[in-house]
Amino acid sequence: MSKGKKAKGVQGKPAWGAIPMHLDEPETSKGKANQVSVLTFTVNDELMALRVEHTEGVVDCPRISPLPSPPDPIIGVASVRGRMTLVCDLSLNAARKAAKRRLILIKGEAQLGLLADRLEGVIALSPKKIRPVSSGKQPVKDRNSKGEFDLPTASFFKSGNLRVHIIDVERLADM
């Protein structure tokens, strides 16, 4: 492009198009296995993950209306994009500060959202790095010492010395 000509579009804005809102399956190349993309996030300083193909999006957490006697780990409902969304909190810590949290929307017939304190990012993993959890559920004590809660996981991966559990959406929906 010559110095005298300006690029089409608004000055100061990038010239590339919008970011696609869907993710394609990774392609295999020369016998390499497909990569598995996971969204990593924290809940009460615990690092967790969710397969990207199970997510519909992430939004700032809207106002949550409590439900009377909801099952664990449901804490209430919220209106997201004009739909009533059940809000799931894996921390089970009633004394949590009302800090700015994110709501990870889960794909499916019923609208379900998972509270996250902080999003860490998306990681591409080799399927060989994902290991099954022996019992299918990993017991995790909550921070209030109210007892044990079965974290709905079926697999995990190692990130340094940390064991990062991958949330099983089917088990989460069955809770």
N, C-alpha and C. Protein backbone atom coordinates (compact mmCIF):
# COMPACT_ATOMS: atom_id res chain seq x y z
N MET A 1 0.86 -1.17 0.00
CA MET A 1 0.00 0.00 0.00
C MET A 1 0.90 1.23 0.00
N SER A 2 0.58 2.21 -0.80
CA SER A 2 1.41 3.42 -0.86
C SER A 2 1.15 4.30 0.34
N LYS A 3 2.09 5.21 0.59
CA LYS A 3 1.98 6.08 1.77
C LYS A 3 0.79 7.00 1.68
N GLY A 4 0.37 7.39 0.50
CA GLY A 4 -0.72 8.35 0.33
C GLY A 4 -2.10 7.73 0.50
N LYS A 5 -2.21 6.41 0.40
CA LYS A 5 -3.52 5.76 0.51
C LYS A 5 -3.74 5.26 1.93
N LYS A 6 -4.98 5.42 2.39
CA LYS A 6 -5.35 4.93 3.73
C LYS A 6 -6.04 3.59 3.59
N ALA A 7 -5.91 2.75 4.61
CA ALA A 7 -6.62 1.47 4.62
C ALA A 7 -8.10 1.73 4.82
N LYS A 8 -8.93 0.92 4.20
CA LYS A 8 -10.37 1.06 4.38
C LYS A 8 -10.73 0.69 5.81
N GLY A 9 -11.75 1.35 6.34
CA GLY A 9 -12.17 1.07 7.70
C GLY A 9 -11.91 2.26 8.59
N VAL A 10 -12.22 2.12 9.84
CA VAL A 10 -12.08 3.19 10.81
C VAL A 10 -10.63 3.28 11.24
N GLN A 11 -10.12 4.51 11.29
CA GLN A 11 -8.73 4.71 11.67
C GLN A 11 -8.53 4.29 13.12
N GLY A 12 -7.45 3.59 13.41
CA GLY A 12 -7.15 3.16 14.77
C GLY A 12 -7.74 1.81 15.14
N LYS A 13 -8.62 1.27 14.32
CA LYS A 13 -9.20 -0.04 14.60
C LYS A 13 -8.51 -1.08 13.74
N PRO A 14 -8.43 -2.32 14.23
CA PRO A 14 -7.76 -3.35 13.45
C PRO A 14 -8.46 -3.62 12.12
N ALA A 15 -7.69 -4.05 11.14
CA ALA A 15 -8.23 -4.28 9.80
C ALA A 15 -8.78 -5.70 9.63
N TRP A 16 -8.62 -6.58 10.63
CA TRP A 16 -9.13 -7.93 10.48
C TRP A 16 -10.60 -8.01 10.84
N GLY A 17 -11.25 -9.09 10.47
CA GLY A 17 -12.67 -9.26 10.71
C GLY A 17 -12.97 -9.69 12.14
N ALA A 18 -14.23 -9.96 12.39
CA ALA A 18 -14.68 -10.38 13.72
C ALA A 18 -14.12 -11.75 14.07
N ILE A 19 -13.96 -11.99 15.35
CA ILE A 19 -13.50 -13.30 15.83
C ILE A 19 -14.66 -14.27 15.72
N PRO A 20 -14.46 -15.45 15.13
CA PRO A 20 -15.58 -16.40 15.00
C PRO A 20 -16.03 -16.89 16.37
N MET A 21 -17.34 -17.09 16.52
CA MET A 21 -17.90 -17.51 17.79
C MET A 21 -18.04 -19.03 17.90
N HIS A 22 -17.58 -19.75 16.93
CA HIS A 22 -17.60 -21.21 17.00
C HIS A 22 -16.17 -21.73 16.83
N LEU A 23 -15.95 -22.86 17.36
CA LEU A 23 -14.62 -23.47 17.23
C LEU A 23 -14.74 -24.73 16.41
N ASP A 24 -13.87 -24.87 15.43
CA ASP A 24 -13.86 -26.08 14.61
C ASP A 24 -13.01 -27.13 15.29
N GLU A 25 -13.28 -28.38 14.97
CA GLU A 25 -12.46 -29.47 15.47
C GLU A 25 -11.06 -29.34 14.88
N PRO A 26 -10.03 -29.54 15.67
CA PRO A 26 -8.68 -29.45 15.12
C PRO A 26 -8.44 -30.53 14.08
N GLU A 27 -7.66 -30.19 13.07
CA GLU A 27 -7.36 -31.14 12.01
C GLU A 27 -6.17 -31.99 12.41
N THR A 28 -6.17 -33.21 11.91
CA THR A 28 -5.00 -34.05 12.14
C THR A 28 -4.00 -33.79 11.03
N SER A 29 -2.73 -33.83 11.39
CA SER A 29 -1.70 -33.65 10.36
C SER A 29 -0.61 -34.68 10.58
N LYS A 30 -0.35 -35.44 9.53
CA LYS A 30 0.71 -36.44 9.52
C LYS A 30 0.65 -37.39 10.71
N GLY A 31 -0.55 -37.89 11.01
CA GLY A 31 -0.69 -38.90 12.04
C GLY A 31 -0.75 -38.38 13.47
N LYS A 32 -0.66 -37.06 13.67
CA LYS A 32 -0.74 -36.53 15.03
C LYS A 32 -2.18 -36.58 15.51
N ALA A 33 -2.37 -36.85 16.79
CA ALA A 33 -3.71 -36.93 17.36
C ALA A 33 -4.32 -35.53 17.47
N ASN A 34 -5.65 -35.47 17.48
CA ASN A 34 -6.34 -34.21 17.67
C ASN A 34 -6.01 -33.63 19.03
N GLN A 35 -6.04 -32.33 19.11
CA GLN A 35 -5.85 -31.66 20.38
C GLN A 35 -7.21 -31.48 21.05
N VAL A 36 -7.23 -31.46 22.37
CA VAL A 36 -8.44 -31.21 23.14
C VAL A 36 -8.28 -29.84 23.77
N SER A 37 -9.21 -28.93 23.47
CA SER A 37 -9.15 -27.58 24.02
C SER A 37 -10.00 -27.51 25.28
N VAL A 38 -9.40 -26.97 26.35
CA VAL A 38 -10.11 -26.81 27.62
C VAL A 38 -10.01 -25.36 28.07
N LEU A 39 -11.09 -24.88 28.65
CA LEU A 39 -11.14 -23.56 29.26
C LEU A 39 -10.77 -23.73 30.73
N THR A 40 -9.71 -23.06 31.17
CA THR A 40 -9.30 -23.19 32.57
C THR A 40 -9.80 -21.97 33.34
N PHE A 41 -10.21 -22.22 34.58
CA PHE A 41 -10.77 -21.17 35.43
C PHE A 41 -10.52 -21.55 36.89
N THR A 42 -10.70 -20.58 37.76
CA THR A 42 -10.53 -20.85 39.19
C THR A 42 -11.85 -20.67 39.93
N VAL A 43 -12.02 -21.50 40.95
CA VAL A 43 -13.11 -21.41 41.90
C VAL A 43 -12.47 -21.57 43.27
N ASN A 44 -12.55 -20.53 44.10
CA ASN A 44 -11.88 -20.56 45.42
C ASN A 44 -10.41 -20.94 45.30
N ASP A 45 -9.72 -20.34 44.38
CA ASP A 45 -8.29 -20.57 44.14
C ASP A 45 -7.96 -21.99 43.70
N GLU A 46 -8.95 -22.79 43.35
CA GLU A 46 -8.74 -24.13 42.81
C GLU A 46 -8.85 -24.04 41.29
N LEU A 47 -7.83 -24.52 40.59
CA LEU A 47 -7.83 -24.50 39.14
C LEU A 47 -8.65 -25.67 38.62
N MET A 48 -9.60 -25.38 37.73
CA MET A 48 -10.47 -26.39 37.12
C MET A 48 -10.51 -26.14 35.62
N ALA A 49 -11.11 -27.07 34.89
CA ALA A 49 -11.20 -26.92 33.43
C ALA A 49 -12.53 -27.46 32.94
N LEU A 50 -12.89 -27.03 31.75
CA LEU A 50 -14.11 -27.46 31.08
C LEU A 50 -13.79 -27.53 29.60
N ARG A 51 -14.17 -28.62 28.94
CA ARG A 51 -13.90 -28.73 27.50
C ARG A 51 -14.61 -27.60 26.75
N VAL A 52 -13.90 -26.97 25.85
CA VAL A 52 -14.42 -25.83 25.12
C VAL A 52 -15.69 -26.18 24.34
N GLU A 53 -15.76 -27.39 23.79
CA GLU A 53 -16.94 -27.76 23.00
C GLU A 53 -18.21 -27.86 23.84
N HIS A 54 -18.08 -27.85 25.17
CA HIS A 54 -19.24 -27.90 26.05
C HIS A 54 -19.68 -26.51 26.50
N THR A 55 -18.98 -25.48 26.07
CA THR A 55 -19.33 -24.13 26.49
C THR A 55 -20.07 -23.38 25.39
N GLU A 56 -20.95 -22.51 25.82
CA GLU A 56 -21.72 -21.68 24.91
C GLU A 56 -21.19 -20.24 24.92
N GLY A 57 -20.49 -19.89 25.97
CA GLY A 57 -19.96 -18.54 26.09
C GLY A 57 -19.66 -18.23 27.54
N VAL A 58 -19.11 -17.04 27.76
CA VAL A 58 -18.80 -16.56 29.10
C VAL A 58 -19.32 -15.14 29.21
N VAL A 59 -20.02 -14.85 30.32
CA VAL A 59 -20.56 -13.51 30.54
C VAL A 59 -20.21 -13.05 31.95
N ASP A 60 -20.27 -11.73 32.16
CA ASP A 60 -20.15 -11.23 33.53
C ASP A 60 -21.34 -11.77 34.30
N CYS A 61 -21.12 -12.14 35.54
CA CYS A 61 -22.18 -12.75 36.34
C CYS A 61 -23.29 -11.73 36.62
N PRO A 62 -24.51 -12.03 36.18
CA PRO A 62 -25.63 -11.14 36.47
C PRO A 62 -26.12 -11.35 37.90
N ARG A 63 -27.13 -10.59 38.28
CA ARG A 63 -27.73 -10.75 39.60
C ARG A 63 -28.35 -12.13 39.69
N ILE A 64 -28.07 -12.83 40.78
CA ILE A 64 -28.57 -14.19 40.98
C ILE A 64 -29.70 -14.14 42.00
N SER A 65 -30.85 -14.70 41.62
CA SER A 65 -31.98 -14.80 42.53
C SER A 65 -31.92 -16.16 43.20
N PRO A 66 -31.90 -16.19 44.54
CA PRO A 66 -31.80 -17.48 45.22
C PRO A 66 -33.06 -18.32 45.06
N LEU A 67 -32.89 -19.62 45.13
CA LEU A 67 -34.00 -20.57 45.08
C LEU A 67 -34.19 -21.17 46.46
N PRO A 68 -35.42 -21.48 46.83
CA PRO A 68 -35.64 -22.13 48.12
C PRO A 68 -35.22 -23.60 48.06
N SER A 69 -34.34 -24.02 48.93
CA SER A 69 -33.87 -25.41 49.04
C SER A 69 -33.42 -26.01 47.71
N PRO A 70 -32.48 -25.37 47.02
CA PRO A 70 -32.01 -25.95 45.75
C PRO A 70 -31.07 -27.11 46.03
N PRO A 71 -30.94 -28.03 45.08
CA PRO A 71 -29.98 -29.13 45.25
C PRO A 71 -28.55 -28.59 45.14
N ASP A 72 -27.60 -29.26 45.80
CA ASP A 72 -26.19 -28.88 45.63
C ASP A 72 -25.81 -29.18 44.20
N PRO A 73 -25.10 -28.41 43.54
CA PRO A 73 -24.46 -27.15 43.83
C PRO A 73 -25.20 -25.94 43.26
N ILE A 74 -26.51 -26.07 42.95
CA ILE A 74 -27.29 -24.96 42.39
C ILE A 74 -27.51 -23.92 43.49
N ILE A 75 -27.27 -22.64 43.15
CA ILE A 75 -27.47 -21.60 44.16
C ILE A 75 -28.60 -20.64 43.80
N GLY A 76 -29.06 -20.66 42.56
CA GLY A 76 -30.14 -19.77 42.17
C GLY A 76 -30.31 -19.72 40.67
N VAL A 77 -31.06 -18.69 40.22
CA VAL A 77 -31.28 -18.48 38.80
C VAL A 77 -30.91 -17.04 38.44
N ALA A 78 -30.58 -16.85 37.17
CA ALA A 78 -30.24 -15.53 36.66
C ALA A 78 -30.78 -15.42 35.24
N SER A 79 -31.04 -14.22 34.80
CA SER A 79 -31.47 -13.99 33.44
C SER A 79 -30.24 -13.67 32.59
N VAL A 80 -29.98 -14.54 31.62
CA VAL A 80 -28.83 -14.36 30.72
C VAL A 80 -29.34 -14.41 29.29
N ARG A 81 -29.14 -13.31 28.57
CA ARG A 81 -29.57 -13.23 27.18
C ARG A 81 -31.05 -13.54 27.02
N GLY A 82 -31.85 -13.11 27.99
CA GLY A 82 -33.30 -13.30 27.94
C GLY A 82 -33.77 -14.69 28.33
N ARG A 83 -32.86 -15.55 28.81
CA ARG A 83 -33.23 -16.90 29.22
C ARG A 83 -32.93 -17.09 30.69
N MET A 84 -33.79 -17.82 31.36
CA MET A 84 -33.55 -18.16 32.77
C MET A 84 -32.46 -19.21 32.81
N THR A 85 -31.43 -18.95 33.60
CA THR A 85 -30.26 -19.81 33.67
C THR A 85 -30.05 -20.28 35.10
N LEU A 86 -29.99 -21.60 35.32
CA LEU A 86 -29.64 -22.14 36.63
C LEU A 86 -28.17 -21.86 36.88
N VAL A 87 -27.85 -21.35 38.05
CA VAL A 87 -26.47 -21.00 38.37
C VAL A 87 -25.90 -22.03 39.33
N CYS A 88 -24.78 -22.61 38.92
CA CYS A 88 -24.11 -23.66 39.68
C CYS A 88 -22.83 -23.09 40.28
N ASP A 89 -22.61 -23.32 41.58
CA ASP A 89 -21.41 -22.85 42.26
C ASP A 89 -20.72 -24.05 42.88
N LEU A 90 -19.57 -24.43 42.33
CA LEU A 90 -18.85 -25.59 42.82
C LEU A 90 -18.08 -25.33 44.11
N SER A 91 -18.04 -24.08 44.56
CA SER A 91 -17.29 -23.78 45.78
C SER A 91 -18.08 -24.13 47.03
N LEU A 92 -19.39 -24.07 46.97
CA LEU A 92 -20.27 -24.30 48.12
C LEU A 92 -19.87 -23.45 49.32
N ASN A 93 -19.35 -22.29 49.07
CA ASN A 93 -18.93 -21.40 50.14
C ASN A 93 -19.92 -20.26 50.21
N ALA A 94 -20.85 -20.33 51.13
CA ALA A 94 -21.90 -19.33 51.26
C ALA A 94 -21.34 -17.97 51.65
N ALA A 95 -20.18 -17.93 52.26
CA ALA A 95 -19.59 -16.68 52.74
C ALA A 95 -18.70 -16.02 51.70
N ARG A 96 -18.78 -16.45 50.45
CA ARG A 96 -17.94 -15.86 49.41
C ARG A 96 -18.27 -14.40 49.23
N LYS A 97 -17.24 -13.61 48.98
CA LYS A 97 -17.44 -12.20 48.70
C LYS A 97 -18.11 -12.05 47.34
N ALA A 98 -18.90 -11.02 47.21
CA ALA A 98 -19.59 -10.77 45.95
C ALA A 98 -18.65 -10.04 44.99
N ALA A 99 -17.49 -10.61 44.75
CA ALA A 99 -16.52 -10.03 43.83
C ALA A 99 -17.02 -10.22 42.40
N LYS A 100 -16.36 -9.55 41.48
CA LYS A 100 -16.73 -9.70 40.08
C LYS A 100 -16.41 -11.11 39.64
N ARG A 101 -17.45 -11.87 39.33
CA ARG A 101 -17.27 -13.24 38.88
C ARG A 101 -17.79 -13.37 37.47
N ARG A 102 -17.43 -14.49 36.85
CA ARG A 102 -17.86 -14.78 35.49
C ARG A 102 -18.79 -15.98 35.53
N LEU A 103 -19.67 -16.06 34.55
CA LEU A 103 -20.59 -17.17 34.43
C LEU A 103 -20.29 -17.87 33.11
N ILE A 104 -19.84 -19.13 33.20
CA ILE A 104 -19.54 -19.92 32.02
C ILE A 104 -20.83 -20.63 31.63
N LEU A 105 -21.33 -20.35 30.44
CA LEU A 105 -22.58 -20.95 29.98
C LEU A 105 -22.30 -22.31 29.36
N ILE A 106 -23.06 -23.30 29.80
CA ILE A 106 -22.90 -24.68 29.36
C ILE A 106 -23.89 -24.97 28.24
N LYS A 107 -23.41 -25.62 27.16
CA LYS A 107 -24.30 -26.00 26.06
C LYS A 107 -25.27 -27.07 26.54
N GLY A 108 -26.47 -27.04 25.99
CA GLY A 108 -27.44 -28.07 26.30
C GLY A 108 -28.86 -27.55 26.19
N GLU A 109 -29.81 -28.45 26.38
CA GLU A 109 -31.22 -28.07 26.29
C GLU A 109 -31.60 -27.12 27.42
N ALA A 110 -31.19 -27.45 28.64
CA ALA A 110 -31.47 -26.58 29.78
C ALA A 110 -30.32 -25.59 29.92
N GLN A 111 -30.65 -24.34 30.18
CA GLN A 111 -29.61 -23.33 30.34
C GLN A 111 -28.98 -23.48 31.72
N LEU A 112 -27.68 -23.72 31.74
CA LEU A 112 -26.94 -23.91 32.98
C LEU A 112 -25.68 -23.07 32.92
N GLY A 113 -25.37 -22.39 34.02
CA GLY A 113 -24.17 -21.57 34.08
C GLY A 113 -23.32 -21.98 35.27
N LEU A 114 -22.02 -21.94 35.11
CA LEU A 114 -21.07 -22.34 36.14
C LEU A 114 -20.28 -21.11 36.59
N LEU A 115 -20.35 -20.79 37.89
CA LEU A 115 -19.64 -19.62 38.41
C LEU A 115 -18.14 -19.85 38.43
N ALA A 116 -17.39 -18.84 38.04
CA ALA A 116 -15.94 -18.88 38.08
C ALA A 116 -15.45 -17.57 38.68
N ASP A 117 -14.45 -17.66 39.55
CA ASP A 117 -13.87 -16.45 40.11
C ASP A 117 -13.02 -15.73 39.08
N ARG A 118 -12.27 -16.51 38.30
CA ARG A 118 -11.36 -15.92 37.32
C ARG A 118 -11.15 -16.91 36.18
N LEU A 119 -11.14 -16.41 34.97
CA LEU A 119 -10.82 -17.23 33.81
C LEU A 119 -9.32 -17.19 33.59
N GLU A 120 -8.72 -18.34 33.37
CA GLU A 120 -7.27 -18.41 33.17
C GLU A 120 -6.91 -18.45 31.69
N GLY A 121 -7.74 -19.10 30.86
CA GLY A 121 -7.47 -19.16 29.43
C GLY A 121 -7.83 -20.51 28.85
N VAL A 122 -7.55 -20.66 27.57
CA VAL A 122 -7.82 -21.91 26.85
C VAL A 122 -6.48 -22.59 26.59
N ILE A 123 -6.45 -23.89 26.87
CA ILE A 123 -5.25 -24.70 26.68
C ILE A 123 -5.57 -25.83 25.72
N ALA A 124 -4.68 -26.08 24.78
CA ALA A 124 -4.81 -27.23 23.88
C ALA A 124 -3.96 -28.36 24.45
N LEU A 125 -4.60 -29.50 24.68
CA LEU A 125 -3.91 -30.65 25.28
C LEU A 125 -3.91 -31.82 24.32
N SER A 126 -2.88 -32.61 24.41
CA SER A 126 -2.85 -33.88 23.71
C SER A 126 -3.78 -34.83 24.47
N PRO A 127 -4.58 -35.64 23.78
CA PRO A 127 -5.44 -36.59 24.49
C PRO A 127 -4.67 -37.52 25.43
N LYS A 128 -3.39 -37.75 25.16
CA LYS A 128 -2.58 -38.61 26.02
C LYS A 128 -2.36 -37.99 27.39
N LYS A 129 -2.45 -36.66 27.50
CA LYS A 129 -2.22 -35.98 28.78
C LYS A 129 -3.45 -35.99 29.68
N ILE A 130 -4.61 -36.34 29.11
CA ILE A 130 -5.84 -36.39 29.89
C ILE A 130 -5.99 -37.78 30.47
N ARG A 131 -6.13 -37.84 31.79
CA ARG A 131 -6.20 -39.13 32.49
C ARG A 131 -7.55 -39.27 33.18
N PRO A 132 -8.08 -40.50 33.24
CA PRO A 132 -9.37 -40.69 33.92
C PRO A 132 -9.21 -40.64 35.44
N VAL A 133 -10.26 -40.13 36.10
CA VAL A 133 -10.33 -40.19 37.56
C VAL A 133 -10.89 -41.57 37.88
N SER A 134 -10.28 -42.27 38.79
CA SER A 134 -10.63 -43.67 39.04
C SER A 134 -12.10 -43.90 39.34
N SER A 135 -12.70 -43.12 40.24
CA SER A 135 -14.10 -43.37 40.62
C SER A 135 -15.08 -42.58 39.78
N GLY A 136 -14.60 -41.68 38.93
CA GLY A 136 -15.50 -40.85 38.14
C GLY A 136 -15.87 -39.57 38.85
N LYS A 137 -15.76 -39.55 40.17
CA LYS A 137 -16.01 -38.34 40.95
C LYS A 137 -14.89 -38.19 41.94
N GLN A 138 -14.43 -37.00 42.09
CA GLN A 138 -13.34 -36.72 43.01
C GLN A 138 -13.88 -35.97 44.22
N PRO A 139 -13.86 -36.58 45.44
CA PRO A 139 -14.35 -35.86 46.60
C PRO A 139 -13.46 -34.67 46.92
N VAL A 140 -14.10 -33.54 47.15
CA VAL A 140 -13.38 -32.32 47.48
C VAL A 140 -14.05 -31.70 48.68
N LYS A 141 -13.28 -31.36 49.71
CA LYS A 141 -13.86 -30.69 50.86
C LYS A 141 -14.02 -29.23 50.55
N ASP A 142 -15.18 -28.67 50.94
CA ASP A 142 -15.36 -27.25 50.72
C ASP A 142 -14.63 -26.45 51.79
N ARG A 143 -14.53 -25.16 51.59
CA ARG A 143 -13.75 -24.31 52.49
C ARG A 143 -14.46 -24.05 53.81
N ASN A 144 -15.76 -24.35 53.90
CA ASN A 144 -16.51 -24.13 55.14
C ASN A 144 -16.53 -25.35 56.03
N SER A 145 -15.91 -26.45 55.61
CA SER A 145 -15.90 -27.72 56.35
C SER A 145 -17.30 -28.21 56.66
N LYS A 146 -18.21 -28.04 55.71
CA LYS A 146 -19.59 -28.52 55.88
C LYS A 146 -19.71 -29.98 55.49
N GLY A 147 -18.64 -30.60 55.09
CA GLY A 147 -18.71 -32.00 54.65
C GLY A 147 -18.05 -32.13 53.31
N GLU A 148 -18.28 -33.24 52.66
CA GLU A 148 -17.68 -33.48 51.36
C GLU A 148 -18.68 -33.26 50.24
N PHE A 149 -18.17 -32.88 49.11
CA PHE A 149 -18.96 -32.63 47.93
C PHE A 149 -18.28 -33.34 46.78
N ASP A 150 -19.03 -34.11 46.03
CA ASP A 150 -18.44 -34.81 44.89
C ASP A 150 -18.34 -33.88 43.71
N LEU A 151 -17.12 -33.56 43.33
CA LEU A 151 -16.87 -32.73 42.18
C LEU A 151 -17.15 -33.56 40.93
N PRO A 152 -18.01 -33.08 40.04
CA PRO A 152 -18.39 -33.90 38.88
C PRO A 152 -17.30 -33.94 37.81
N THR A 153 -16.30 -34.77 38.04
CA THR A 153 -15.21 -34.91 37.07
C THR A 153 -15.05 -36.37 36.67
N ALA A 154 -14.55 -36.56 35.47
CA ALA A 154 -14.24 -37.91 35.01
C ALA A 154 -12.80 -37.99 34.55
N SER A 155 -12.15 -36.81 34.44
CA SER A 155 -10.77 -36.80 33.97
C SER A 155 -10.03 -35.59 34.54
N PHE A 156 -8.71 -35.62 34.37
CA PHE A 156 -7.86 -34.52 34.83
C PHE A 156 -6.61 -34.48 33.98
N PHE A 157 -5.85 -33.41 34.13
CA PHE A 157 -4.53 -33.32 33.51
C PHE A 157 -3.62 -32.61 34.50
N LYS A 158 -2.34 -32.78 34.29
CA LYS A 158 -1.34 -32.16 35.16
C LYS A 158 -0.86 -30.86 34.53
N SER A 159 -0.80 -29.82 35.35
CA SER A 159 -0.24 -28.54 34.94
C SER A 159 0.83 -28.20 35.97
N GLY A 160 2.06 -28.52 35.62
CA GLY A 160 3.14 -28.41 36.61
C GLY A 160 2.92 -29.47 37.67
N ASN A 161 2.86 -29.07 38.92
CA ASN A 161 2.57 -30.01 40.02
C ASN A 161 1.09 -30.07 40.36
N LEU A 162 0.27 -29.27 39.68
CA LEU A 162 -1.16 -29.22 39.97
C LEU A 162 -1.94 -30.27 39.17
N ARG A 163 -2.92 -30.83 39.81
CA ARG A 163 -3.85 -31.75 39.16
C ARG A 163 -5.10 -30.94 38.84
N VAL A 164 -5.38 -30.71 37.57
CA VAL A 164 -6.50 -29.88 37.14
C VAL A 164 -7.64 -30.79 36.70
N HIS A 165 -8.75 -30.73 37.42
CA HIS A 165 -9.90 -31.57 37.11
C HIS A 165 -10.72 -30.95 35.98
N ILE A 166 -11.13 -31.81 35.05
CA ILE A 166 -11.97 -31.38 33.93
C ILE A 166 -13.40 -31.74 34.30
N ILE A 167 -14.26 -30.71 34.37
CA ILE A 167 -15.65 -30.89 34.77
C ILE A 167 -16.38 -31.71 33.71
N ASP A 168 -17.11 -32.73 34.16
CA ASP A 168 -17.93 -33.57 33.28
C ASP A 168 -19.33 -32.95 33.22
N VAL A 169 -19.68 -32.37 32.08
CA VAL A 169 -20.93 -31.64 31.94
C VAL A 169 -22.15 -32.53 32.18
N GLU A 170 -22.10 -33.78 31.74
CA GLU A 170 -23.24 -34.68 31.95
C GLU A 170 -23.48 -34.92 33.43
N ARG A 171 -22.43 -35.13 34.20
CA ARG A 171 -22.58 -35.33 35.64
C ARG A 171 -23.01 -34.05 36.34
N LEU A 172 -22.56 -32.92 35.84
CA LEU A 172 -22.95 -31.63 36.40
C LEU A 172 -24.44 -31.41 36.21
N ALA A 173 -24.95 -31.74 35.03
CA ALA A 173 -26.38 -31.58 34.74
C ALA A 173 -27.23 -32.55 35.54
N ASP A 174 -26.68 -33.70 35.91
CA ASP A 174 -27.45 -34.71 36.67
C ASP A 174 -27.51 -34.41 38.16
N MET A 175 -26.72 -33.48 38.63
CA MET A 175 -26.66 -33.21 40.07
C MET A 175 -27.92 -32.58 40.60
